[in-house]
Amino acid sequence: MNVAISNSSEKPIYQQLFEQISAQILKGELASGYCLPPIRQAALELGVSVITVKKAWEELERSGLIHTVTGKGCFVAEFTAEEMRRIRNEMVRKQMEYDTLYYKSFGLTLAEVIEIMQKMYE
């Protein structure tokens, strides 16, 4: 598990943790059955509060990306390729809904947004 926390980000730290770990799971970097570090250990290593890590782990569990085994820890769930694609697409769709509202608030057209995105991908 490789996570980089930005204290200058507008996103809350638990959200940064959730997004980065989610991405690692959905890209296959964290395999099914991988045991996440205990909440206290992760908090200590990342220099954040236990509550922050707990909130991120809860979000991961709510999203179906991990499951908790009492007394043993939190483990990456097993997924078929189709399930991973469905979860990834749903997460991206939710983010895009939020982003679309932001772009519209600036009066950008779809063509303008696509042009900007194309430049960013290059």
Protein backbone atom coordinates (compact mmCIF):
# COMPACT_ATOMS: atom_id res chain seq x y z
CA MET A 1 0.00 0.00 0.00
CA ASN A 2 1.50 3.26 -1.14
CA VAL A 3 -0.26 6.46 -0.03
CA ALA A 4 0.76 10.11 -0.26
CA ILE A 5 -1.13 12.55 1.95
CA SER A 6 -1.33 16.20 0.98
CA ASN A 7 -2.08 18.59 3.82
CA SER A 8 -2.60 21.40 1.28
CA SER A 9 -5.30 19.51 -0.64
CA GLU A 10 -8.89 20.69 -0.44
CA LYS A 11 -9.91 17.05 -0.01
CA PRO A 12 -10.13 15.71 3.54
CA ILE A 13 -7.36 13.27 4.42
CA TYR A 14 -9.76 10.34 4.84
CA GLN A 15 -11.00 11.00 1.28
CA GLN A 16 -7.43 11.05 -0.03
CA LEU A 17 -6.80 7.69 1.67
CA PHE A 18 -10.04 6.25 0.33
CA GLU A 19 -9.38 7.39 -3.24
CA GLN A 20 -5.76 6.23 -3.37
CA ILE A 21 -6.44 2.82 -1.83
CA SER A 22 -9.55 2.37 -4.01
CA ALA A 23 -7.49 3.09 -7.10
CA GLN A 24 -4.81 0.61 -6.03
CA ILE A 25 -7.45 -2.07 -5.47
CA LEU A 26 -9.25 -1.43 -8.75
CA LYS A 27 -6.00 -1.40 -10.73
CA GLY A 28 -5.03 -4.72 -9.15
CA GLU A 29 -2.05 -3.28 -7.26
CA LEU A 30 -3.61 -4.52 -4.00
CA ALA A 31 -4.74 -8.08 -4.70
CA SER A 32 -7.77 -9.87 -3.31
CA GLY A 33 -7.00 -11.04 0.20
CA TYR A 34 -4.38 -8.36 0.83
CA CYS A 35 -4.49 -7.36 4.49
CA LEU A 36 -4.54 -3.62 5.07
CA PRO A 37 -2.41 -2.45 7.97
CA PRO A 38 -4.25 -2.11 11.28
CA ILE A 39 -5.87 1.30 11.72
CA ARG A 40 -3.50 2.37 14.52
CA GLN A 41 -0.42 1.29 12.58
CA ALA A 42 -1.58 3.07 9.40
CA ALA A 43 -2.34 6.23 11.40
CA LEU A 44 1.11 6.18 12.97
CA GLU A 45 2.92 5.56 9.67
CA LEU A 46 0.94 8.27 7.85
CA GLY A 47 1.08 10.77 10.71
CA VAL A 48 -2.70 11.17 10.86
CA SER A 49 -5.33 10.45 13.47
CA VAL A 50 -6.79 7.02 14.11
CA ILE A 51 -10.25 8.51 13.45
CA THR A 52 -9.15 9.62 9.98
CA VAL A 53 -7.90 6.16 9.01
CA LYS A 54 -10.96 4.51 10.56
CA LYS A 55 -13.21 6.72 8.44
CA ALA A 56 -11.30 5.80 5.27
CA TRP A 57 -11.46 2.07 6.08
CA GLU A 58 -15.21 2.41 6.74
CA GLU A 59 -15.69 4.06 3.34
CA LEU A 60 -13.71 1.27 1.68
CA GLU A 61 -15.91 -1.29 3.40
CA ARG A 62 -19.13 0.57 2.50
CA SER A 63 -17.97 0.58 -1.12
CA GLY A 64 -17.48 -3.18 -0.99
CA LEU A 65 -13.75 -2.92 -1.67
CA ILE A 66 -12.66 -4.45 1.64
CA HIS A 67 -14.19 -6.62 4.32
CA THR A 68 -13.37 -6.91 8.00
CA VAL A 69 -12.69 -10.17 9.77
CA THR A 70 -13.13 -9.62 13.49
CA GLY A 71 -9.85 -10.10 15.31
CA LYS A 72 -7.86 -10.51 12.09
CA GLY A 73 -8.10 -7.25 10.14
CA CYS A 74 -9.37 -5.69 6.95
CA PHE A 75 -8.85 -7.51 3.67
CA VAL A 76 -9.27 -6.58 0.02
CA ALA A 77 -12.43 -8.24 -1.28
CA GLU A 78 -12.47 -10.73 -4.14
CA PHE A 79 -13.77 -9.41 -7.45
CA THR A 80 -14.36 -10.69 -10.91
CA ALA A 81 -13.04 -8.46 -13.69
CA GLU A 82 -16.65 -7.42 -14.41
CA GLU A 83 -17.28 -6.47 -10.76
CA MET A 84 -14.08 -4.40 -10.66
CA ARG A 85 -15.11 -2.62 -13.86
CA ARG A 86 -18.61 -1.94 -12.49
CA ILE A 87 -17.29 -0.53 -9.19
CA ARG A 88 -14.66 1.57 -10.97
CA ASN A 89 -17.20 2.98 -13.42
CA GLU A 90 -19.63 3.82 -10.63
CA MET A 91 -16.93 5.65 -8.65
CA VAL A 92 -15.83 7.56 -11.75
CA ARG A 93 -19.44 8.42 -12.61
CA LYS A 94 -20.02 9.89 -9.14
CA GLN A 95 -16.86 11.99 -9.41
CA MET A 96 -17.81 13.14 -12.89
CA GLU A 97 -21.25 14.26 -11.66
CA TYR A 98 -19.53 16.48 -9.12
CA ASP A 99 -16.96 17.71 -11.65
CA THR A 100 -19.61 18.44 -14.28
CA LEU A 101 -21.43 20.78 -11.91
CA TYR A 102 -18.14 22.58 -11.30
CA TYR A 103 -17.44 22.96 -15.04
CA LYS A 104 -20.96 24.18 -15.71
CA SER A 105 -20.59 26.81 -12.98
CA PHE A 106 -17.87 28.36 -15.17
CA GLY A 107 -20.11 28.22 -18.21
CA LEU A 108 -17.89 25.70 -20.02
CA THR A 109 -19.42 23.75 -22.87
CA LEU A 110 -18.95 20.02 -23.25
CA ALA A 111 -16.63 20.66 -26.20
CA GLU A 112 -14.47 22.97 -24.06
CA VAL A 113 -14.28 20.41 -21.25
CA ILE A 114 -13.32 17.66 -23.70
CA GLU A 115 -10.62 19.88 -25.23
CA ILE A 116 -9.14 20.57 -21.78
CA MET A 117 -9.28 16.87 -20.86
CA GLN A 118 -7.60 15.86 -24.10
CA LYS A 119 -4.72 18.24 -23.41
CA MET A 120 -4.36 16.87 -19.89
CA TYR A 121 -4.15 13.29 -21.17
CA GLU A 122 -1.33 14.14 -23.59
